[in-house]
PDB file of N, CA and C in Angstrom:
ATOM      1  N   UNK A   1     -23.856  24.711 -10.805  1.00  0.00           N
ATOM      2  CA  UNK A   1     -22.464  24.737 -10.399  1.00  0.00           C
ATOM      3  C   UNK A   1     -21.603  24.143 -11.511  1.00  0.00           C
ATOM      4  N   UNK A   2     -20.523  24.810 -11.827  1.00  0.00           N
ATOM      5  CA  UNK A   2     -19.609  24.372 -12.890  1.00  0.00           C
ATOM      6  C   UNK A   2     -18.586  23.388 -12.326  1.00  0.00           C
ATOM      7  N   UNK A   3     -18.202  22.365 -13.101  1.00  0.00           N
ATOM      8  CA  UNK A   3     -17.138  21.463 -12.634  1.00  0.00           C
ATOM      9  C   UNK A   3     -15.806  22.213 -12.590  1.00  0.00           C
ATOM     10  N   UNK A   4     -14.937  21.775 -11.698  1.00  0.00           N
ATOM     11  CA  UNK A   4     -13.615  22.397 -11.584  1.00  0.00           C
ATOM     12  C   UNK A   4     -12.803  22.153 -12.842  1.00  0.00           C
ATOM     13  N   UNK A   5     -12.037  23.149 -13.232  1.00  0.00           N
ATOM     14  CA  UNK A   5     -11.136  23.025 -14.374  1.00  0.00           C
ATOM     15  C   UNK A   5      -9.838  22.361 -13.910  1.00  0.00           C
ATOM     16  N   UNK A   6      -9.201  21.557 -14.782  1.00  0.00           N
ATOM     17  CA  UNK A   6      -7.913  20.959 -14.392  1.00  0.00           C
ATOM     18  C   UNK A   6      -6.875  22.053 -14.146  1.00  0.00           C
ATOM     19  N   UNK A   7      -5.984  21.789 -13.200  1.00  0.00           N
ATOM     20  CA  UNK A   7      -4.922  22.752 -12.900  1.00  0.00           C
ATOM     21  C   UNK A   7      -3.932  22.810 -14.057  1.00  0.00           C
ATOM     22  N   UNK A   8      -3.474  24.002 -14.343  1.00  0.00           N
ATOM     23  CA  UNK A   8      -2.444  24.193 -15.361  1.00  0.00           C
ATOM     24  C   UNK A   8      -1.085  24.064 -14.699  1.00  0.00           C
ATOM     25  N   UNK A   9      -0.083  23.556 -15.417  1.00  0.00           N
ATOM     26  CA  UNK A   9       1.269  23.512 -14.845  1.00  0.00           C
ATOM     27  C   UNK A   9       1.745  24.929 -14.527  1.00  0.00           C
ATOM     28  N   UNK A  10       2.560  25.040 -13.463  1.00  0.00           N
ATOM     29  CA  UNK A  10       3.093  26.347 -13.100  1.00  0.00           C
ATOM     30  C   UNK A  10       3.993  26.874 -14.196  1.00  0.00           C
ATOM     31  N   UNK A  11       3.895  28.148 -14.455  1.00  0.00           N
ATOM     32  CA  UNK A  11       4.756  28.787 -15.450  1.00  0.00           C
ATOM     33  C   UNK A  11       5.862  29.518 -14.711  1.00  0.00           C
ATOM     34  N   UNK A  12       7.087  29.026 -14.854  1.00  0.00           N
ATOM     35  CA  UNK A  12       8.239  29.631 -14.195  1.00  0.00           C
ATOM     36  C   UNK A  12       8.904  30.680 -15.075  1.00  0.00           C
ATOM     37  N   UNK A  13       8.264  31.007 -16.197  1.00  0.00           N
ATOM     38  CA  UNK A  13       8.843  31.982 -17.105  1.00  0.00           C
ATOM     39  C   UNK A  13       9.909  31.325 -17.956  1.00  0.00           C
ATOM     40  N   UNK A  14      10.610  32.124 -18.744  1.00  0.00           N
ATOM     41  CA  UNK A  14      11.658  31.545 -19.584  1.00  0.00           C
ATOM     42  C   UNK A  14      12.780  30.954 -18.727  1.00  0.00           C
ATOM     43  N   UNK A  15      13.236  29.781 -19.115  1.00  0.00           N
ATOM     44  CA  UNK A  15      14.287  29.094 -18.359  1.00  0.00           C
ATOM     45  C   UNK A  15      15.607  29.835 -18.496  1.00  0.00           C
ATOM     46  N   UNK A  16      16.212  30.168 -17.387  1.00  0.00           N
ATOM     47  CA  UNK A  16      17.531  30.797 -17.361  1.00  0.00           C
ATOM     48  C   UNK A  16      18.564  29.834 -16.777  1.00  0.00           C
ATOM     49  N   UNK A  17      18.112  28.664 -16.321  1.00  0.00           N
ATOM     50  CA  UNK A  17      18.958  27.640 -15.723  1.00  0.00           C
ATOM     51  C   UNK A  17      19.312  26.604 -16.783  1.00  0.00           C
ATOM     52  N   UNK A  18      20.292  25.722 -16.518  1.00  0.00           N
ATOM     53  CA  UNK A  18      20.660  24.686 -17.492  1.00  0.00           C
ATOM     54  C   UNK A  18      19.473  23.785 -17.831  1.00  0.00           C
ATOM     55  N   UNK A  19      19.251  23.574 -19.110  1.00  0.00           N
ATOM     56  CA  UNK A  19      18.104  22.816 -19.610  1.00  0.00           C
ATOM     57  C   UNK A  19      17.994  21.416 -19.015  1.00  0.00           C
ATOM     58  N   UNK A  20      19.134  20.763 -18.772  1.00  0.00           N
ATOM     59  CA  UNK A  20      19.110  19.376 -18.286  1.00  0.00           C
ATOM     60  C   UNK A  20      18.509  19.241 -16.887  1.00  0.00           C
ATOM     61  N   UNK A  21      18.335  20.348 -16.169  1.00  0.00           N
ATOM     62  CA  UNK A  21      17.730  20.295 -14.839  1.00  0.00           C
ATOM     63  C   UNK A  21      16.206  20.182 -14.896  1.00  0.00           C
ATOM     64  N   UNK A  22      15.613  20.492 -16.039  1.00  0.00           N
ATOM     65  CA  UNK A  22      14.156  20.405 -16.172  1.00  0.00           C
ATOM     66  C   UNK A  22      13.457  21.582 -15.518  1.00  0.00           C
ATOM     67  N   UNK A  23      12.281  21.323 -14.933  1.00  0.00           N
ATOM     68  CA  UNK A  23      11.507  22.373 -14.274  1.00  0.00           C
ATOM     69  C   UNK A  23      11.780  22.361 -12.772  1.00  0.00           C
ATOM     70  N   UNK A  24      11.928  23.522 -12.164  1.00  0.00           N
ATOM     71  CA  UNK A  24      12.211  23.586 -10.729  1.00  0.00           C
ATOM     72  C   UNK A  24      10.982  23.262  -9.887  1.00  0.00           C
ATOM     73  N   UNK A  25      11.228  22.770  -8.679  1.00  0.00           N
ATOM     74  CA  UNK A  25      10.152  22.541  -7.717  1.00  0.00           C
ATOM     75  C   UNK A  25       9.742  23.866  -7.087  1.00  0.00           C
ATOM     76  N   UNK A  26      10.701  24.776  -6.953  1.00  0.00           N
ATOM     77  CA  UNK A  26      10.402  26.119  -6.459  1.00  0.00           C
ATOM     78  C   UNK A  26      11.370  27.090  -7.115  1.00  0.00           C
ATOM     79  N   UNK A  27      10.932  28.309  -7.256  1.00  0.00           N
ATOM     80  CA  UNK A  27      11.793  29.341  -7.822  1.00  0.00           C
ATOM     81  C   UNK A  27      11.286  30.685  -7.340  1.00  0.00           C
ATOM     82  N   UNK A  28      12.130  31.664  -7.467  1.00  0.00           N
ATOM     83  CA  UNK A  28      11.739  33.002  -7.051  1.00  0.00           C
ATOM     84  C   UNK A  28      12.892  33.952  -7.235  1.00  0.00           C
ATOM     85  N   UNK A  29      12.767  35.089  -6.646  1.00  0.00           N
ATOM     86  CA  UNK A  29      13.816  36.072  -6.764  1.00  0.00           C
ATOM     87  C   UNK A  29      13.552  37.266  -5.889  1.00  0.00           C
ATOM     88  N   UNK A  30      14.583  38.043  -5.755  1.00  0.00           N
ATOM     89  CA  UNK A  30      14.519  39.268  -4.985  1.00  0.00           C
ATOM     90  C   UNK A  30      15.560  40.209  -5.553  1.00  0.00           C
ATOM     91  N   UNK A  31      15.160  41.440  -5.756  1.00  0.00           N
ATOM     92  CA  UNK A  31      16.043  42.425  -6.376  1.00  0.00           C
ATOM     93  C   UNK A  31      16.548  41.890  -7.708  1.00  0.00           C
ATOM     94  N   UNK A  32      17.835  41.847  -7.936  1.00  0.00           N
ATOM     95  CA  UNK A  32      18.395  41.389  -9.213  1.00  0.00           C
ATOM     96  C   UNK A  32      18.844  39.929  -9.162  1.00  0.00           C
ATOM     97  N   UNK A  33      18.418  39.187  -8.139  1.00  0.00           N
ATOM     98  CA  UNK A  33      18.838  37.802  -7.960  1.00  0.00           C
ATOM     99  C   UNK A  33      17.649  36.873  -8.124  1.00  0.00           C
ATOM    100  N   UNK A  34      17.875  35.759  -8.819  1.00  0.00           N
ATOM    101  CA  UNK A  34      16.830  34.744  -8.991  1.00  0.00           C
ATOM    102  C   UNK A  34      17.388  33.397  -8.561  1.00  0.00           C
ATOM    103  N   UNK A  35      16.483  32.513  -8.125  1.00  0.00           N
ATOM    104  CA  UNK A  35      16.902  31.161  -7.771  1.00  0.00           C
ATOM    105  C   UNK A  35      15.890  30.158  -8.297  1.00  0.00           C
ATOM    106  N   UNK A  36      16.332  28.925  -8.495  1.00  0.00           N
ATOM    107  CA  UNK A  36      15.467  27.814  -8.881  1.00  0.00           C
ATOM    108  C   UNK A  36      16.036  26.558  -8.221  1.00  0.00           C
ATOM    109  N   UNK A  37      15.152  25.779  -7.588  1.00  0.00           N
ATOM    110  CA  UNK A  37      15.562  24.585  -6.849  1.00  0.00           C
ATOM    111  C   UNK A  37      15.082  23.335  -7.565  1.00  0.00           C
ATOM    112  N   UNK A  38      15.997  22.360  -7.734  1.00  0.00           N
ATOM    113  CA  UNK A  38      15.734  21.115  -8.455  1.00  0.00           C
ATOM    114  C   UNK A  38      16.027  19.933  -7.528  1.00  0.00           C
ATOM    115  N   UNK A  39      15.032  19.481  -6.755  1.00  0.00           N
ATOM    116  CA  UNK A  39      15.289  18.435  -5.754  1.00  0.00           C
ATOM    117  C   UNK A  39      15.749  17.107  -6.342  1.00  0.00           C
ATOM    118  N   UNK A  40      15.262  16.730  -7.529  1.00  0.00           N
ATOM    119  CA  UNK A  40      15.676  15.457  -8.123  1.00  0.00           C
ATOM    120  C   UNK A  40      17.169  15.438  -8.433  1.00  0.00           C
ATOM    121  N   UNK A  41      17.736  16.596  -8.687  1.00  0.00           N
ATOM    122  CA  UNK A  41      19.167  16.716  -8.992  1.00  0.00           C
ATOM    123  C   UNK A  41      19.967  17.226  -7.799  1.00  0.00           C
ATOM    124  N   UNK A  42      19.256  17.592  -6.725  1.00  0.00           N
ATOM    125  CA  UNK A  42      19.885  18.202  -5.541  1.00  0.00           C
ATOM    126  C   UNK A  42      20.716  19.417  -5.939  1.00  0.00           C
ATOM    127  N   UNK A  43      20.093  20.264  -6.738  1.00  0.00           N
ATOM    128  CA  UNK A  43      20.775  21.451  -7.246  1.00  0.00           C
ATOM    129  C   UNK A  43      19.950  22.704  -6.997  1.00  0.00           C
ATOM    130  N   UNK A  44      20.665  23.773  -6.728  1.00  0.00           N
ATOM    131  CA  UNK A  44      20.107  25.104  -6.618  1.00  0.00           C
ATOM    132  C   UNK A  44      20.811  25.959  -7.657  1.00  0.00           C
ATOM    133  N   UNK A  45      20.053  26.541  -8.560  1.00  0.00           N
ATOM    134  CA  UNK A  45      20.615  27.450  -9.558  1.00  0.00           C
ATOM    135  C   UNK A  45      20.362  28.868  -9.075  1.00  0.00           C
ATOM    136  N   UNK A  46      21.388  29.697  -9.133  1.00  0.00           N
ATOM    137  CA  UNK A  46      21.284  31.091  -8.703  1.00  0.00           C
ATOM    138  C   UNK A  46      21.786  31.978  -9.834  1.00  0.00           C
ATOM    139  N   UNK A  47      20.962  32.956 -10.206  1.00  0.00           N
ATOM    140  CA  UNK A  47      21.310  33.923 -11.245  1.00  0.00           C
ATOM    141  C   UNK A  47      21.596  35.257 -10.569  1.00  0.00           C
ATOM    142  N   UNK A  48      22.835  35.707 -10.655  1.00  0.00           N
ATOM    143  CA  UNK A  48      23.249  37.001 -10.111  1.00  0.00           C
ATOM    144  C   UNK A  48      24.145  37.688 -11.119  1.00  0.00           C
ATOM    145  N   UNK A  49      23.886  38.953 -11.355  1.00  0.00           N
ATOM    146  CA  UNK A  49      24.718  39.767 -12.248  1.00  0.00           C
ATOM    147  C   UNK A  49      24.926  39.094 -13.597  1.00  0.00           C
ATOM    148  N   UNK A  50      23.889  38.419 -14.106  1.00  0.00           N
ATOM    149  CA  UNK A  50      23.949  37.798 -15.423  1.00  0.00           C
ATOM    150  C   UNK A  50      24.636  36.455 -15.486  1.00  0.00           C
ATOM    151  N   UNK A  51      25.127  35.945 -14.358  1.00  0.00           N
ATOM    152  CA  UNK A  51      25.818  34.653 -14.332  1.00  0.00           C
ATOM    153  C   UNK A  51      25.011  33.640 -13.535  1.00  0.00           C
ATOM    154  N   UNK A  52      24.950  32.396 -14.037  1.00  0.00           N
ATOM    155  CA  UNK A  52      24.251  31.314 -13.351  1.00  0.00           C
ATOM    156  C   UNK A  52      25.278  30.425 -12.669  1.00  0.00           C
ATOM    157  N   UNK A  53      25.080  30.207 -11.373  1.00  0.00           N
ATOM    158  CA  UNK A  53      25.934  29.297 -10.603  1.00  0.00           C
ATOM    159  C   UNK A  53      25.060  28.178 -10.064  1.00  0.00           C
ATOM    160  N   UNK A  54      25.610  26.968 -10.001  1.00  0.00           N
ATOM    161  CA  UNK A  54      24.896  25.815  -9.461  1.00  0.00           C
ATOM    162  C   UNK A  54      25.521  25.393  -8.138  1.00  0.00           C
ATOM    163  N   UNK A  55      24.661  24.972  -7.210  1.00  0.00           N
ATOM    164  CA  UNK A  55      25.093  24.558  -5.886  1.00  0.00           C
ATOM    165  C   UNK A  55      24.472  23.215  -5.538  1.00  0.00           C
ATOM    166  N   UNK A  56      25.232  22.379  -4.819  1.00  0.00           N
ATOM    167  CA  UNK A  56      24.755  21.096  -4.302  1.00  0.00           C
ATOM    168  C   UNK A  56      23.952  21.393  -3.039  1.00  0.00           C
ATOM    169  N   UNK A  57      22.705  20.887  -2.969  1.00  0.00           N
ATOM    170  CA  UNK A  57      21.846  21.180  -1.818  1.00  0.00           C
ATOM    171  C   UNK A  57      21.806  20.059  -0.789  1.00  0.00           C
ATOM    172  N   UNK A  58      22.376  18.891  -1.110  1.00  0.00           N
ATOM    173  CA  UNK A  58      22.321  17.782  -0.162  1.00  0.00           C
ATOM    174  C   UNK A  58      20.881  17.428   0.138  1.00  0.00           C
ATOM    175  N   UNK A  59      20.529  17.352   1.427  1.00  0.00           N
ATOM    176  CA  UNK A  59      19.156  16.992   1.778  1.00  0.00           C
ATOM    177  C   UNK A  59      18.286  18.199   2.114  1.00  0.00           C
ATOM    178  N   UNK A  60      18.749  19.399   1.763  1.00  0.00           N
ATOM    179  CA  UNK A  60      17.920  20.600   1.953  1.00  0.00           C
ATOM    180  C   UNK A  60      16.831  20.645   0.880  1.00  0.00           C
ATOM    181  N   UNK A  61      15.615  20.972   1.274  1.00  0.00           N
ATOM    182  CA  UNK A  61      14.499  21.206   0.363  1.00  0.00           C
ATOM    183  C   UNK A  61      14.227  22.707   0.378  1.00  0.00           C
ATOM    184  N   UNK A  62      14.749  23.427  -0.591  1.00  0.00           N
ATOM    185  CA  UNK A  62      14.689  24.889  -0.628  1.00  0.00           C
ATOM    186  C   UNK A  62      13.272  25.358  -0.963  1.00  0.00           C
ATOM    187  N   UNK A  63      12.751  26.256  -0.124  1.00  0.00           N
ATOM    188  CA  UNK A  63      11.392  26.766  -0.341  1.00  0.00           C
ATOM    189  C   UNK A  63      11.317  28.285  -0.435  1.00  0.00           C
ATOM    190  N   UNK A  64      12.365  28.992  -0.077  1.00  0.00           N
ATOM    191  CA  UNK A  64      12.313  30.447  -0.128  1.00  0.00           C
ATOM    192  C   UNK A  64      13.691  31.055   0.002  1.00  0.00           C
ATOM    193  N   UNK A  65      13.746  32.379  -0.138  1.00  0.00           N
ATOM    194  CA  UNK A  65      15.022  33.093  -0.087  1.00  0.00           C
ATOM    195  C   UNK A  65      14.819  34.455   0.550  1.00  0.00           C
ATOM    196  N   UNK A  66      15.854  34.921   1.232  1.00  0.00           N
ATOM    197  CA  UNK A  66      15.892  36.308   1.694  1.00  0.00           C
ATOM    198  C   UNK A  66      17.293  36.819   1.412  1.00  0.00           C
ATOM    199  N   UNK A  67      17.423  38.124   1.365  1.00  0.00           N
ATOM    200  CA  UNK A  67      18.703  38.721   0.998  1.00  0.00           C
ATOM    201  C   UNK A  67      19.042  39.801   2.005  1.00  0.00           C
ATOM    202  N   UNK A  68      20.211  39.656   2.641  1.00  0.00           N
ATOM    203  CA  UNK A  68      20.670  40.693   3.548  1.00  0.00           C
ATOM    204  C   UNK A  68      21.223  41.834   2.719  1.00  0.00           C
ATOM    205  N   UNK A  69      20.833  43.028   3.069  1.00  0.00           N
ATOM    206  CA  UNK A  69      21.267  44.208   2.329  1.00  0.00           C
ATOM    207  C   UNK A  69      22.516  44.814   2.968  1.00  0.00           C
ATOM    208  N   UNK A  70      23.133  45.711   2.234  1.00  0.00           N
ATOM    209  CA  UNK A  70      24.291  46.425   2.755  1.00  0.00           C
ATOM    210  C   UNK A  70      25.595  45.734   2.419  1.00  0.00           C
ATOM    211  N   UNK A  71      26.641  46.118   3.138  1.00  0.00           N
ATOM    212  CA  UNK A  71      27.977  45.588   2.894  1.00  0.00           C
ATOM    213  C   UNK A  71      27.981  44.071   3.075  1.00  0.00           C
ATOM    214  N   UNK A  72      28.564  43.355   2.143  1.00  0.00           N
ATOM    215  CA  UNK A  72      28.663  41.899   2.235  1.00  0.00           C
ATOM    216  C   UNK A  72      27.319  41.216   2.124  1.00  0.00           C
ATOM    217  N   UNK A  73      26.473  41.702   1.207  1.00  0.00           N
ATOM    218  CA  UNK A  73      25.157  41.092   1.009  1.00  0.00           C
ATOM    219  C   UNK A  73      25.279  39.579   0.922  1.00  0.00           C
ATOM    220  N   UNK A  74      24.305  38.880   1.475  1.00  0.00           N
ATOM    221  CA  UNK A  74      24.329  37.426   1.349  1.00  0.00           C
ATOM    222  C   UNK A  74      22.919  36.902   1.156  1.00  0.00           C
ATOM    223  N   UNK A  75      22.822  35.765   0.490  1.00  0.00           N
ATOM    224  CA  UNK A  75      21.544  35.105   0.284  1.00  0.00           C
ATOM    225  C   UNK A  75      21.346  34.054   1.364  1.00  0.00           C
ATOM    226  N   UNK A  76      20.157  34.022   1.929  1.00  0.00           N
ATOM    227  CA  UNK A  76      19.807  33.035   2.939  1.00  0.00           C
ATOM    228  C   UNK A  76      18.557  32.319   2.441  1.00  0.00           C
ATOM    229  N   UNK A  77      18.642  31.008   2.315  1.00  0.00           N
ATOM    230  CA  UNK A  77      17.531  30.209   1.827  1.00  0.00           C
ATOM    231  C   UNK A  77      16.837  29.518   2.986  1.00  0.00           C
ATOM    232  N   UNK A  78      15.555  29.262   2.803  1.00  0.00           N
ATOM    233  CA  UNK A  78      14.762  28.539   3.791  1.00  0.00           C
ATOM    234  C   UNK A  78      14.626  27.101   3.328  1.00  0.00           C
ATOM    235  N   UNK A  79      14.874  26.157   4.239  1.00  0.00           N
ATOM    236  CA  UNK A  79      14.678  24.745   3.937  1.00  0.00           C
ATOM    237  C   UNK A  79      13.936  24.108   5.115  1.00  0.00           C
ATOM    238  N   UNK A  80      13.652  22.827   4.997  1.00  0.00           N
ATOM    239  CA  UNK A  80      12.973  22.123   6.081  1.00  0.00           C
ATOM    240  C   UNK A  80      13.834  22.053   7.333  1.00  0.00           C
ATOM    241  N   UNK A  81      15.124  22.356   7.200  1.00  0.00           N
ATOM    242  CA  UNK A  81      16.051  22.342   8.330  1.00  0.00           C
ATOM    243  C   UNK A  81      16.282  23.740   8.898  1.00  0.00           C
ATOM    244  N   UNK A  82      15.573  24.727   8.377  1.00  0.00           N
ATOM    245  CA  UNK A  82      15.769  26.112   8.810  1.00  0.00           C
ATOM    246  C   UNK A  82      16.507  26.898   7.744  1.00  0.00           C
ATOM    247  N   UNK A  83      17.270  27.878   8.184  1.00  0.00           N
ATOM    248  CA  UNK A  83      17.988  28.731   7.239  1.00  0.00           C
ATOM    249  C   UNK A  83      19.319  28.112   6.823  1.00  0.00           C
ATOM    250  N   UNK A  84      19.652  28.314   5.549  1.00  0.00           N
ATOM    251  CA  UNK A  84      20.950  27.884   5.028  1.00  0.00           C
ATOM    252  C   UNK A  84      21.489  29.019   4.157  1.00  0.00           C
ATOM    253  N   UNK A  85      22.696  29.446   4.439  1.00  0.00           N
ATOM    254  CA  UNK A  85      23.336  30.507   3.662  1.00  0.00           C
ATOM    255  C   UNK A  85      23.927  29.921   2.387  1.00  0.00           C
ATOM    256  N   UNK A  86      23.878  30.722   1.342  1.00  0.00           N
ATOM    257  CA  UNK A  86      24.421  30.272   0.061  1.00  0.00           C
ATOM    258  C   UNK A  86      25.873  29.828   0.219  1.00  0.00           C
ATOM    259  N   UNK A  87      26.644  30.534   1.038  1.00  0.00           N
ATOM    260  CA  UNK A  87      28.051  30.203   1.248  1.00  0.00           C
ATOM    261  C   UNK A  87      28.269  28.859   1.920  1.00  0.00           C
ATOM    262  N   UNK A  88      27.223  28.282   2.507  1.00  0.00           N
ATOM    263  CA  UNK A  88      27.330  26.967   3.147  1.00  0.00           C
ATOM    264  C   UNK A  88      27.146  25.822   2.160  1.00  0.00           C
ATOM    265  N   UNK A  89      26.642  26.147   0.963  1.00  0.00           N
ATOM    266  CA  UNK A  89      26.417  25.114  -0.051  1.00  0.00           C
ATOM    267  C   UNK A  89      27.646  25.005  -0.959  1.00  0.00           C
ATOM    268  N   UNK A  90      27.930  23.791  -1.404  1.00  0.00           N
ATOM    269  CA  UNK A  90      29.074  23.552  -2.280  1.00  0.00           C
ATOM    270  C   UNK A  90      28.749  23.986  -3.698  1.00  0.00           C
ATOM    271  N   UNK A  91      29.605  24.847  -4.255  1.00  0.00           N
ATOM    272  CA  UNK A  91      29.449  25.297  -5.641  1.00  0.00           C
ATOM    273  C   UNK A  91      29.860  24.153  -6.559  1.00  0.00           C
ATOM    274  N   UNK A  92      29.001  23.854  -7.561  1.00  0.00           N
ATOM    275  CA  UNK A  92      29.302  22.764  -8.491  1.00  0.00           C
ATOM    276  C   UNK A  92      29.333  23.229  -9.942  1.00  0.00           C
ATOM    277  N   UNK A  93      29.097  24.471 -10.198  1.00  0.00           N
ATOM    278  CA  UNK A  93      29.142  24.917 -11.584  1.00  0.00           C
ATOM    279  C   UNK A  93      28.954  26.392 -11.705  1.00  0.00           C
TER     280      UNK A  93
END
């Protein structure tokens, strides 16, 4: 039996978020939208249409995202408190 190999750090791909945020605790995307969550900074970075926006997450711990399709598309994130819509978070950048 071979000994277990040490785990490699997760590769989130090339950073598209502000460098000062470091590495995200979670990230993902759907369609043309990407997100990255930084709990130490209480920030959520969202990349849409080539622009990065930052949002204050408060005490939400973001773990996933879904996107409503059709007219008035919206992003809905999953946190330990349930669903939170992007429009409910304060834009900070």
